[in-house]
Amino acid sequence: EAEMAEGDMATLKVTFTRTNLSDSESAGPVHAPFFPVVKHEEWWLLVYDKRGRRMIAADLVLGTGRVCKSSVNFIVPRPGDFEWSVIAMCDSYAGLDVTLDVHFRGKK
């Protein structure tokens, strides 16, 4: 949304794309020989406020397809500029985590 004001409900939309898969493929189970059941990768999506040094939201993203989508809802806490980090953390593989900065302005 172009103009968000303090107290507004906002939505952050995130799309994960597995570039190693074609459109018709899906990811199989992870390599976890000591895990007692079949395990598929899961992604934690964390939204972190750098200025306030606090977690804003968290979402668990499930799915084995090439593209997975998530929407995180939050309340715009105050007017002014925001610099938040969106962190995607894989629960099954080390080294796949991704951090992106998100900038937006809350109106009064």
Protein backbone atom coordinates (compact mmCIF):
# COMPACT_ATOMS: atom_id res chain seq x y z
CA GLU A 1 0.00 0.00 0.00
CA ALA A 2 1.40 3.43 -0.91
CA GLU A 3 0.25 5.28 2.20
CA MET A 4 0.19 3.58 5.59
CA ALA A 5 -0.64 5.48 8.75
CA GLU A 6 0.00 4.77 12.40
CA GLY A 7 -2.42 2.10 13.60
CA ASP A 8 -3.18 0.75 10.11
CA MET A 9 -3.14 -2.99 9.44
CA ALA A 10 -0.45 -3.67 6.84
CA THR A 11 0.51 -6.82 4.98
CA LEU A 12 3.99 -7.91 3.98
CA LYS A 13 3.86 -10.43 1.12
CA VAL A 14 6.82 -12.76 0.64
CA THR A 15 7.41 -15.26 -2.17
CA PHE A 16 9.94 -18.09 -1.92
CA THR A 17 11.13 -19.55 -5.23
CA ARG A 18 13.21 -22.71 -5.35
CA THR A 19 15.33 -21.99 -8.41
CA ASN A 20 16.60 -25.58 -8.58
CA LEU A 21 13.10 -26.90 -9.37
CA SER A 22 11.01 -26.60 -12.51
CA ASP A 23 7.36 -25.52 -12.34
CA SER A 24 6.11 -29.12 -12.28
CA GLU A 25 8.57 -30.39 -9.65
CA SER A 26 8.36 -30.40 -5.88
CA ALA A 27 11.04 -30.77 -3.20
CA GLY A 28 11.41 -34.21 -1.68
CA PRO A 29 12.17 -35.01 1.93
CA VAL A 30 15.37 -33.67 3.45
CA HIS A 31 18.41 -35.83 4.15
CA ALA A 32 18.00 -36.55 7.87
CA PRO A 33 18.98 -40.18 8.47
CA PHE A 34 18.67 -39.94 12.28
CA PHE A 35 15.30 -38.16 12.31
CA PRO A 36 12.61 -40.70 13.30
CA VAL A 37 10.10 -39.78 10.53
CA VAL A 38 10.18 -38.38 7.01
CA LYS A 39 11.05 -34.68 7.24
CA HIS A 40 10.33 -31.94 4.71
CA GLU A 41 11.99 -28.56 4.87
CA GLU A 42 10.14 -25.75 6.62
CA TRP A 43 10.96 -22.06 6.53
CA TRP A 44 10.55 -19.59 9.35
CA LEU A 45 9.85 -16.06 8.23
CA LEU A 46 10.87 -13.50 10.86
CA VAL A 47 10.20 -9.75 10.70
CA TYR A 48 12.58 -7.78 12.93
CA ASP A 49 12.58 -4.06 13.78
CA LYS A 50 16.22 -2.89 13.80
CA ARG A 51 15.51 0.44 15.51
CA GLY A 52 13.29 -0.97 18.24
CA ARG A 53 15.35 -4.16 18.46
CA ARG A 54 12.29 -6.38 18.65
CA MET A 55 10.53 -9.11 16.74
CA ILE A 56 7.45 -7.85 14.87
CA ALA A 57 6.06 -11.08 13.46
CA ALA A 58 6.89 -14.69 12.69
CA ASP A 59 5.33 -17.12 10.24
CA LEU A 60 5.97 -20.75 9.39
CA VAL A 61 6.04 -21.37 5.64
CA LEU A 62 5.23 -24.92 4.56
CA GLY A 63 5.12 -26.31 1.06
CA THR A 64 7.25 -28.34 -1.26
CA GLY A 65 6.44 -26.68 -4.58
CA ARG A 66 8.69 -24.41 -6.62
CA VAL A 67 6.91 -21.29 -5.34
CA CYS A 68 5.63 -20.77 -1.79
CA LYS A 69 3.91 -17.57 -0.66
CA SER A 70 3.34 -16.02 2.73
CA SER A 71 1.52 -12.94 3.98
CA VAL A 72 2.47 -11.41 7.33
CA ASN A 73 0.05 -8.93 8.87
CA PHE A 74 1.20 -6.24 11.29
CA ILE A 75 0.04 -2.94 12.77
CA VAL A 76 2.04 0.16 11.78
CA PRO A 77 3.28 1.13 15.27
CA ARG A 78 4.11 4.82 14.82
CA PRO A 79 4.55 7.51 12.20
CA GLY A 80 7.99 7.85 10.63
CA ASP A 81 10.55 5.84 8.72
CA PHE A 82 11.03 2.14 9.33
CA GLU A 83 13.93 -0.14 8.52
CA TRP A 84 12.96 -3.72 9.21
CA SER A 85 14.69 -6.97 8.33
CA VAL A 86 12.89 -9.97 6.89
CA ILE A 87 14.78 -13.15 7.71
CA ALA A 88 13.97 -16.48 6.06
CA MET A 89 15.43 -19.37 8.07
CA CYS A 90 15.41 -22.97 6.92
CA ASP A 91 14.88 -25.52 9.69
CA SER A 92 16.54 -28.35 7.79
CA TYR A 93 19.67 -27.04 6.07
CA ALA A 94 22.47 -24.79 7.28
CA GLY A 95 23.60 -21.94 5.07
CA LEU A 96 20.32 -21.27 3.24
CA ASP A 97 19.11 -18.41 5.46
CA VAL A 98 18.39 -15.12 3.69
CA THR A 99 18.01 -11.61 5.14
CA LEU A 100 16.42 -8.72 3.24
CA ASP A 101 15.88 -5.15 4.41
CA VAL A 102 12.44 -3.58 4.06
CA HIS A 103 11.98 0.19 4.20
CA PHE A 104 8.67 2.03 4.51
CA ARG A 105 7.18 5.18 5.95
CA GLY A 106 4.23 5.43 8.29
CA LYS A 107 2.11 8.56 7.95
CA LYS A 108 0.58 10.43 10.84
